[in-house]
Amino acid sequence: MRVALVGMTLGAILCASPVPAQTASPPPPAVGVVKAARQPVTESTEFVGRVQAISRVDLVARVTAFVEAVNFTEGAEVKKGDILYQLERGPFEADVAAKRAAVDQMQAQLQNAEATLKRAQTLLNGPAGQQSNVDSALANERSLVAQLQAAKATLAQSEINLGYTKITAPIDGKIGRTSVTPGNVVTPQSGVLATIVGQDPMYVAFPVSVRTVIELRQHYVSAGVFHSVKLRIRLPDGRIYGETGELSFMDNTVSTATDTIMLRGTVANPPLLSDGNGKSLRELTDSEFIAVLLEGAEPVEVLGIPRAAVLSDQQGDYVYALDDGNKVKRQPVKLGKSTPTTAIVLSGLEDGQTVVVEGIQRVRPGMLVAPAPAAQGPTQAANSSAK
């Protein structure tokens, strides 16, 4: 009886125990993919640089005089020839008048000496003539010629000094602060009175490593180093400057301190706004810190993929590519001069290969995935990645 009860109990327990179900495999993760394809791309290389004014002039006094007037508004743009400072003219005008009178006096004395010489030469042919009289008259005439030349030179210097009482703008540009005001005395030792900085066009100077210069030279040698390159500027707020410049100068020496060569471009700097009183707003300012983008003049056909498809680690750049069975494999790539949206692949991928762009964080080498065309498309996906 006891054995029967034990058997019944074991049977009940076995009947009550659930049968374990087989665990189902998770579905392959869905990913967005694109095919590597050859496409026209404008290659771009970025450097750090500064804006430089092409023309820059420090205004200084050339004579000692009182300042009578300051004829400009600080921060305004001036034109070449504008009278910026008017210095006291009276003493210099008086000096010019005195020097002119001295010239007139020398001219009168010279005329008299020439007449005396002519008479002595005439008398020399008669019985009363003496060679000594001719020699004396000739020496006096030549002496007065020299004195007249000296008087004219002194007059010219006085007229130059009178001209220095008007300090004019030697270039077009924007003038800064004045260091003197009317009523003060200025001298040649007073230092800089104000500075004028040219505004349009501007230079953009940037150092480039020797290795990069060699690469650029080799890359653009077929079309000309300078004229095949466009220069664009990224402003400090991140905007791309609207004017396109050109590379115009490469220095003839390498900096031994930094192993770089200074390159310089020229770019227009038109006014954005003007108030009609000489003040205007321009985008570029002398010594402004900017980013310089060198771009090829014409797009080139390259193998490109979205930037979002490229990953990097200590071993270098790589992508997740799919084989014919939709299995993920890590594939190293070598990139060229890429753009913010497109990675240019020099080696490591073939035209038409499939790479993962979306859902890339969910995959690992060797995994099976469920690929679908990237929802945003290759270019848009790259754009969203760059933002």
Protein backbone atom coordinates (compact mmCIF):
# COMPACT_ATOMS: atom_id res chain seq x y z
CA MET A 1 0.00 0.00 0.00
CA ARG A 2 2.83 2.43 0.90
CA VAL A 3 4.64 1.62 -2.38
CA ALA A 4 1.51 2.41 -4.36
CA LEU A 5 1.14 5.78 -2.65
CA VAL A 6 4.76 6.71 -3.38
CA GLY A 7 4.31 5.77 -7.02
CA MET A 8 1.17 7.83 -7.30
CA THR A 9 2.90 10.83 -5.70
CA LEU A 10 5.88 10.65 -8.07
CA GLY A 11 3.52 10.37 -11.02
CA ALA A 12 1.62 13.45 -9.91
CA ILE A 13 4.84 15.45 -9.53
CA LEU A 14 6.07 14.39 -12.96
CA CYS A 15 2.77 15.31 -14.54
CA ALA A 16 2.77 18.71 -12.87
CA SER A 17 6.34 19.67 -14.03
CA PRO A 18 6.25 21.82 -17.25
CA VAL A 19 8.20 20.68 -20.28
CA PRO A 20 10.95 23.30 -21.06
CA ALA A 21 10.36 25.04 -24.43
CA GLN A 22 13.13 25.59 -26.99
CA THR A 23 14.54 29.24 -26.96
CA ALA A 24 13.89 31.05 -30.29
CA SER A 25 16.88 32.84 -31.98
CA PRO A 26 16.56 36.67 -32.16
CA PRO A 27 16.04 38.05 -35.65
CA PRO A 28 19.02 39.67 -37.38
CA PRO A 29 19.23 43.39 -36.57
CA ALA A 30 17.95 45.74 -39.25
CA VAL A 31 20.54 48.13 -40.68
CA GLY A 32 20.57 50.82 -43.35
CA VAL A 33 23.12 50.29 -46.08
CA VAL A 34 24.49 52.03 -49.14
CA LYS A 35 26.65 50.87 -52.00
CA ALA A 36 30.05 52.45 -52.48
CA ALA A 37 29.87 54.32 -55.77
CA ARG A 38 32.02 56.60 -57.85
CA GLN A 39 30.73 60.15 -57.68
CA PRO A 40 31.90 63.70 -58.43
CA VAL A 41 33.33 65.29 -55.29
CA THR A 42 34.98 68.65 -54.72
CA GLU A 43 37.94 67.79 -52.52
CA SER A 44 38.66 70.06 -49.57
CA THR A 45 41.55 70.52 -47.15
CA GLU A 46 41.19 72.69 -44.04
CA PHE A 47 43.85 74.85 -42.39
CA VAL A 48 44.00 77.47 -39.67
CA GLY A 49 44.84 81.02 -40.70
CA ARG A 50 44.34 84.73 -40.20
CA VAL A 51 43.03 87.60 -42.26
CA GLN A 52 45.68 90.16 -43.21
CA ALA A 53 45.16 93.61 -44.67
CA ILE A 54 46.96 94.07 -47.98
CA SER A 55 47.69 97.72 -47.16
CA ARG A 56 48.37 99.17 -43.73
CA VAL A 57 49.68 102.68 -43.03
CA ASP A 58 50.69 104.40 -39.78
CA LEU A 59 50.16 108.16 -39.96
CA VAL A 60 52.93 110.25 -38.37
CA ALA A 61 53.79 113.96 -38.22
CA ARG A 62 56.68 115.12 -40.43
CA VAL A 63 56.98 118.60 -38.87
CA THR A 64 56.50 120.19 -35.46
CA ALA A 65 53.24 122.14 -35.28
CA PHE A 66 49.94 122.59 -33.44
CA VAL A 67 47.02 120.42 -34.52
CA GLU A 68 44.28 122.72 -35.84
CA ALA A 69 41.72 120.09 -36.91
CA VAL A 70 41.06 116.35 -37.03
CA ASN A 71 38.94 115.82 -40.14
CA PHE A 72 37.77 112.23 -39.81
CA THR A 73 35.47 110.05 -37.75
CA GLU A 74 37.20 107.27 -35.89
CA GLY A 75 36.32 103.90 -37.38
CA ALA A 76 35.18 105.37 -40.69
CA GLU A 77 36.52 104.54 -44.12
CA VAL A 78 38.65 107.19 -45.82
CA LYS A 79 39.74 107.72 -49.41
CA LYS A 80 43.23 108.26 -50.72
CA GLY A 81 44.00 111.99 -50.63
CA ASP A 82 41.53 112.90 -47.85
CA ILE A 83 42.96 115.53 -45.47
CA LEU A 84 42.89 113.79 -42.09
CA TYR A 85 44.87 116.22 -39.89
CA GLN A 86 45.31 119.95 -40.47
CA LEU A 87 48.35 121.40 -38.72
CA GLU A 88 49.09 125.08 -38.14
CA ARG A 89 50.22 126.59 -41.47
CA GLY A 90 51.11 130.20 -40.55
CA PRO A 91 54.79 129.75 -39.58
CA PHE A 92 55.43 127.54 -42.60
CA GLU A 93 53.73 129.95 -45.02
CA ALA A 94 55.91 132.77 -43.65
CA ASP A 95 59.01 130.63 -44.10
CA VAL A 96 58.04 129.88 -47.70
CA ALA A 97 57.56 133.61 -48.38
CA ALA A 98 61.00 134.40 -46.93
CA LYS A 99 62.68 131.67 -48.98
CA ARG A 100 60.90 132.83 -52.14
CA ALA A 101 62.15 136.38 -51.53
CA ALA A 102 65.69 135.05 -51.17
CA VAL A 103 65.34 133.30 -54.53
CA ASP A 104 64.12 136.54 -56.14
CA GLN A 105 67.09 138.39 -54.65
CA MET A 106 69.55 135.84 -56.00
CA GLN A 107 67.94 136.02 -59.43
CA ALA A 108 68.33 139.82 -59.48
CA GLN A 109 71.98 139.60 -58.43
CA LEU A 110 72.61 136.97 -61.07
CA GLN A 111 71.09 139.13 -63.80
CA ASN A 112 73.38 142.00 -62.77
CA ALA A 113 76.41 139.70 -62.75
CA GLU A 114 75.55 138.40 -66.23
CA ALA A 115 75.35 141.99 -67.52
CA THR A 116 78.70 142.86 -65.90
CA LEU A 117 80.31 139.82 -67.48
CA LYS A 118 78.95 140.73 -70.89
CA ARG A 119 80.36 144.30 -70.61
CA ALA A 120 83.77 143.04 -69.52
CA GLN A 121 83.88 140.64 -72.48
CA THR A 122 82.94 143.49 -74.84
CA LEU A 123 85.63 145.81 -73.43
CA LEU A 124 88.22 143.06 -73.73
CA ASN A 125 88.29 143.65 -77.49
CA GLY A 126 89.20 147.36 -76.98
CA PRO A 127 92.23 149.17 -75.54
CA ALA A 128 90.57 149.54 -72.11
CA GLY A 129 89.76 145.89 -71.73
CA GLN A 130 91.48 143.66 -69.15
CA GLN A 131 91.33 139.90 -68.87
CA SER A 132 91.28 140.16 -65.09
CA ASN A 133 87.99 142.03 -65.22
CA VAL A 134 86.48 139.28 -67.35
CA ASP A 135 87.76 136.57 -65.02
CA SER A 136 86.38 138.35 -61.96
CA ALA A 137 82.98 138.90 -63.57
CA LEU A 138 82.83 135.26 -64.70
CA ALA A 139 83.65 133.97 -61.21
CA ASN A 140 81.02 136.23 -59.65
CA GLU A 141 78.40 135.06 -62.16
CA ARG A 142 79.13 131.39 -61.48
CA SER A 143 79.03 131.96 -57.72
CA LEU A 144 75.62 133.59 -57.97
CA VAL A 145 74.33 130.69 -60.11
CA ALA A 146 75.27 128.29 -57.31
CA GLN A 147 73.73 130.55 -54.65
CA LEU A 148 70.51 130.74 -56.67
CA GLN A 149 70.36 126.93 -56.88
CA ALA A 150 70.85 126.69 -53.12
CA ALA A 151 68.12 129.28 -52.53
CA LYS A 152 65.73 127.35 -54.78
CA ALA A 153 66.50 124.11 -52.90
CA THR A 154 65.82 125.84 -49.59
CA LEU A 155 62.54 127.17 -50.99
CA ALA A 156 61.58 123.67 -52.16
CA GLN A 157 62.24 122.26 -48.67
CA SER A 158 60.11 124.99 -47.11
CA GLU A 159 57.29 124.22 -49.53
CA ILE A 160 57.57 120.52 -48.66
CA ASN A 161 57.35 121.36 -44.95
CA LEU A 162 54.28 123.50 -45.67
CA GLY A 163 52.73 120.51 -47.44
CA TYR A 164 53.39 118.38 -44.34
CA THR A 165 50.91 120.54 -42.42
CA LYS A 166 48.20 118.59 -44.27
CA ILE A 167 48.36 114.92 -43.28
CA THR A 168 46.45 113.05 -45.97
CA ALA A 169 45.37 109.45 -46.46
CA PRO A 170 47.89 107.63 -48.68
CA ILE A 171 45.50 104.69 -49.27
CA ASP A 172 41.82 103.81 -49.19
CA GLY A 173 40.87 102.03 -45.99
CA LYS A 174 39.39 102.11 -42.52
CA ILE A 175 40.98 104.49 -40.04
CA GLY A 176 41.27 103.69 -36.36
CA ARG A 177 41.50 105.85 -33.25
CA THR A 178 43.34 109.15 -33.20
CA SER A 179 46.05 109.64 -30.59
CA VAL A 180 45.91 113.47 -30.71
CA THR A 181 43.19 116.10 -30.62
CA PRO A 182 43.12 119.74 -31.81
CA GLY A 183 45.29 122.12 -29.79
CA ASN A 184 48.08 119.66 -29.11
CA VAL A 185 51.57 119.93 -30.54
CA VAL A 186 52.83 117.06 -32.67
CA THR A 187 56.41 116.36 -33.70
CA PRO A 188 58.13 113.68 -35.78
CA GLN A 189 58.78 111.95 -32.44
CA SER A 190 55.10 111.91 -31.43
CA GLY A 191 54.64 108.40 -32.79
CA VAL A 192 51.63 107.04 -34.65
CA LEU A 193 48.72 109.48 -34.88
CA ALA A 194 46.30 106.95 -36.43
CA THR A 195 46.39 103.79 -38.53
CA ILE A 196 44.64 103.11 -41.83
CA VAL A 197 43.94 99.49 -42.79
CA GLY A 198 42.99 98.54 -46.34
CA GLN A 199 39.64 96.76 -46.58
CA ASP A 200 39.09 95.27 -50.01
CA PRO A 201 40.54 92.87 -51.03
CA MET A 202 42.15 91.07 -48.09
CA TYR A 203 44.90 88.51 -47.71
CA VAL A 204 44.33 85.18 -45.97
CA ALA A 205 47.59 83.73 -44.63
CA PHE A 206 47.94 80.21 -43.26
CA PRO A 207 50.87 77.88 -42.46
CA VAL A 208 50.92 74.47 -44.14
CA SER A 209 53.18 71.56 -43.30
CA VAL A 210 55.82 70.71 -45.87
CA ARG A 211 54.32 67.25 -46.33
CA THR A 212 50.89 68.70 -47.08
CA VAL A 213 52.36 71.20 -49.53
CA ILE A 214 54.05 68.34 -51.39
CA GLU A 215 50.77 66.41 -51.52
CA LEU A 216 48.87 69.45 -52.79
CA ARG A 217 51.54 70.18 -55.37
CA GLN A 218 51.42 66.62 -56.68
CA HIS A 219 47.64 66.58 -56.65
CA TYR A 220 47.13 69.77 -58.63
CA VAL A 221 50.28 69.83 -60.75
CA SER A 222 48.43 68.79 -63.90
CA ALA A 223 46.22 71.89 -63.81
CA GLY A 224 48.57 74.39 -62.13
CA VAL A 225 49.16 74.66 -58.39
CA PHE A 226 47.53 78.02 -57.79
CA HIS A 227 44.83 78.45 -60.41
CA SER A 228 43.31 75.00 -59.92
CA VAL A 229 42.59 75.67 -56.24
CA LYS A 230 39.70 77.66 -54.80
CA LEU A 231 40.00 79.23 -51.38
CA ARG A 232 37.03 79.46 -49.06
CA ILE A 233 36.79 80.74 -45.50
CA ARG A 234 34.92 79.40 -42.49
CA LEU A 235 34.17 82.29 -40.15
CA PRO A 236 34.48 82.06 -36.34
CA ASP A 237 30.71 81.52 -36.04
CA GLY A 238 30.87 78.48 -38.34
CA ARG A 239 29.42 80.12 -41.45
CA ILE A 240 31.11 79.76 -44.83
CA TYR A 241 32.11 83.18 -46.16
CA GLY A 242 30.24 84.10 -49.31
CA GLU A 243 33.24 85.19 -51.40
CA THR A 244 35.63 82.69 -52.99
CA GLY A 245 39.32 83.57 -53.15
CA GLU A 246 42.35 82.19 -54.92
CA LEU A 247 45.75 81.03 -53.77
CA SER A 248 48.21 83.76 -54.76
CA PHE A 249 51.48 83.25 -52.88
CA MET A 250 53.71 80.54 -51.45
CA ASP A 251 56.68 81.59 -49.33
CA ASN A 252 60.17 80.71 -50.52
CA THR A 253 61.43 79.34 -47.20
CA VAL A 254 60.35 76.76 -44.64
CA SER A 255 60.01 77.81 -41.01
CA THR A 256 62.64 75.87 -39.08
CA ALA A 257 60.61 76.26 -35.88
CA THR A 258 57.39 74.68 -37.19
CA ASP A 259 58.45 72.95 -40.44
CA THR A 260 55.70 74.79 -42.29
CA ILE A 261 55.46 77.00 -45.37
CA MET A 262 53.34 80.14 -45.31
CA LEU A 263 50.67 80.24 -48.01
CA ARG A 264 48.52 83.24 -48.79
CA GLY A 265 45.33 83.77 -50.70
CA THR A 266 43.45 86.85 -51.85
CA VAL A 267 39.72 87.28 -51.29
CA ALA A 268 37.25 90.11 -51.82
CA ASN A 269 35.78 91.89 -48.79
CA PRO A 270 32.85 93.97 -50.06
CA PRO A 271 30.77 96.12 -47.69
CA LEU A 272 27.67 94.55 -46.19
CA LEU A 273 26.15 97.82 -45.02
CA SER A 274 27.05 101.51 -45.29
CA ASP A 275 25.52 104.49 -43.49
CA GLY A 276 26.57 107.04 -46.11
CA ASN A 277 28.89 108.83 -43.67
CA GLY A 278 31.97 106.75 -44.33
CA LYS A 279 31.13 103.96 -41.88
CA SER A 280 30.50 100.52 -43.34
CA LEU A 281 30.35 96.94 -42.15
CA ARG A 282 32.48 94.28 -43.78
CA GLU A 283 32.67 90.56 -43.03
CA LEU A 284 36.46 90.25 -42.73
CA THR A 285 38.64 92.17 -40.26
CA ASP A 286 42.41 92.49 -40.20
CA SER A 287 44.07 89.81 -37.99
CA GLU A 288 40.80 87.84 -37.64
CA PHE A 289 41.22 84.14 -36.82
CA ILE A 290 39.54 81.92 -39.44
CA ALA A 291 39.59 78.45 -41.00
CA VAL A 292 40.82 78.20 -44.59
CA LEU A 293 39.40 75.60 -46.97
CA LEU A 294 41.33 74.74 -50.12
CA GLU A 295 39.04 73.17 -52.69
CA GLY A 296 39.70 71.80 -56.14
CA ALA A 297 38.35 74.04 -58.87
CA GLU A 298 36.54 71.14 -60.57
CA PRO A 299 34.88 68.05 -59.05
CA VAL A 300 36.74 64.78 -59.53
CA GLU A 301 35.36 61.25 -59.87
CA VAL A 302 36.18 59.29 -56.72
CA LEU A 303 34.87 56.29 -54.81
CA GLY A 304 32.77 57.78 -52.05
CA ILE A 305 30.68 56.67 -49.10
CA PRO A 306 28.85 58.68 -46.44
CA ARG A 307 30.97 59.90 -43.56
CA ALA A 308 28.57 58.08 -41.21
CA ALA A 309 29.83 54.73 -42.53
CA VAL A 310 33.43 55.32 -41.43
CA LEU A 311 34.65 54.26 -37.99
CA SER A 312 38.10 54.68 -36.46
CA ASP A 313 40.18 52.97 -33.82
CA GLN A 314 43.85 52.54 -32.99
CA GLN A 315 44.34 50.45 -36.11
CA GLY A 316 42.94 53.16 -38.38
CA ASP A 317 39.78 53.81 -40.38
CA TYR A 318 37.40 50.99 -41.25
CA VAL A 319 33.84 50.23 -42.35
CA TYR A 320 31.38 47.41 -41.77
CA ALA A 321 30.86 45.77 -45.16
CA LEU A 322 28.43 42.95 -46.02
CA ASP A 323 29.28 39.81 -47.92
CA ASP A 324 26.87 37.98 -50.23
CA GLY A 325 25.24 36.30 -47.21
CA ASN A 326 24.62 39.61 -45.39
CA LYS A 327 27.31 38.81 -42.85
CA VAL A 328 29.19 41.77 -41.37
CA LYS A 329 32.94 42.02 -41.81
CA ARG A 330 35.33 44.68 -40.61
CA GLN A 331 37.07 46.16 -43.63
CA PRO A 332 40.00 48.61 -43.23
CA VAL A 333 39.98 51.56 -45.64
CA LYS A 334 42.38 54.31 -46.60
CA LEU A 335 40.73 57.70 -46.96
CA GLY A 336 41.73 60.59 -49.16
CA LYS A 337 40.97 64.31 -48.86
CA SER A 338 37.33 64.00 -47.90
CA THR A 339 34.53 66.53 -47.59
CA PRO A 340 32.37 67.13 -44.51
CA THR A 341 29.68 64.85 -45.96
CA THR A 342 31.49 62.30 -48.11
CA ALA A 343 34.45 60.07 -47.27
CA ILE A 344 36.71 59.53 -50.26
CA VAL A 345 38.06 55.97 -50.28
CA LEU A 346 41.47 55.48 -51.85
CA SER A 347 41.72 51.76 -51.09
CA GLY A 348 39.97 49.01 -49.15
CA LEU A 349 36.60 49.09 -50.94
CA GLU A 350 35.42 48.23 -54.41
CA ASP A 351 32.84 50.06 -56.45
CA GLY A 352 29.43 48.56 -55.61
CA GLN A 353 30.33 47.04 -52.23
CA THR A 354 27.65 47.35 -49.55
CA VAL A 355 28.50 49.15 -46.30
CA VAL A 356 26.47 49.78 -43.16
CA VAL A 357 25.44 53.40 -42.55
CA GLU A 358 22.47 53.27 -40.16
CA GLY A 359 22.26 51.08 -37.06
CA ILE A 360 26.01 50.72 -37.16
CA GLN A 361 26.21 50.69 -33.36
CA ARG A 362 24.19 47.43 -33.24
CA VAL A 363 26.46 45.30 -35.40
CA ARG A 364 29.70 43.42 -34.85
CA PRO A 365 31.96 41.49 -37.22
CA GLY A 366 30.51 38.07 -38.08
CA MET A 367 26.87 39.00 -37.35
CA LEU A 368 24.05 38.37 -39.79
CA VAL A 369 21.99 41.50 -40.47
CA ALA A 370 18.83 42.43 -42.30
CA PRO A 371 19.96 45.16 -44.73
CA ALA A 372 17.69 47.78 -46.24
CA PRO A 373 18.51 50.92 -48.24
CA ALA A 374 19.42 53.77 -45.92
CA ALA A 375 16.26 55.76 -45.23
CA GLN A 376 17.89 59.14 -45.85
CA GLY A 377 20.01 58.14 -48.83
CA PRO A 378 23.80 58.23 -48.91
CA THR A 379 24.28 61.98 -49.12
CA GLN A 380 21.61 62.87 -46.58
CA ALA A 381 22.85 60.25 -44.17
CA ALA A 382 26.29 61.71 -44.42
CA ASN A 383 24.90 65.19 -43.87
CA SER A 384 23.07 64.14 -40.73
CA SER A 385 26.23 62.51 -39.44
CA ALA A 386 28.25 65.68 -40.02
CA LYS A 387 25.87 67.91 -38.08
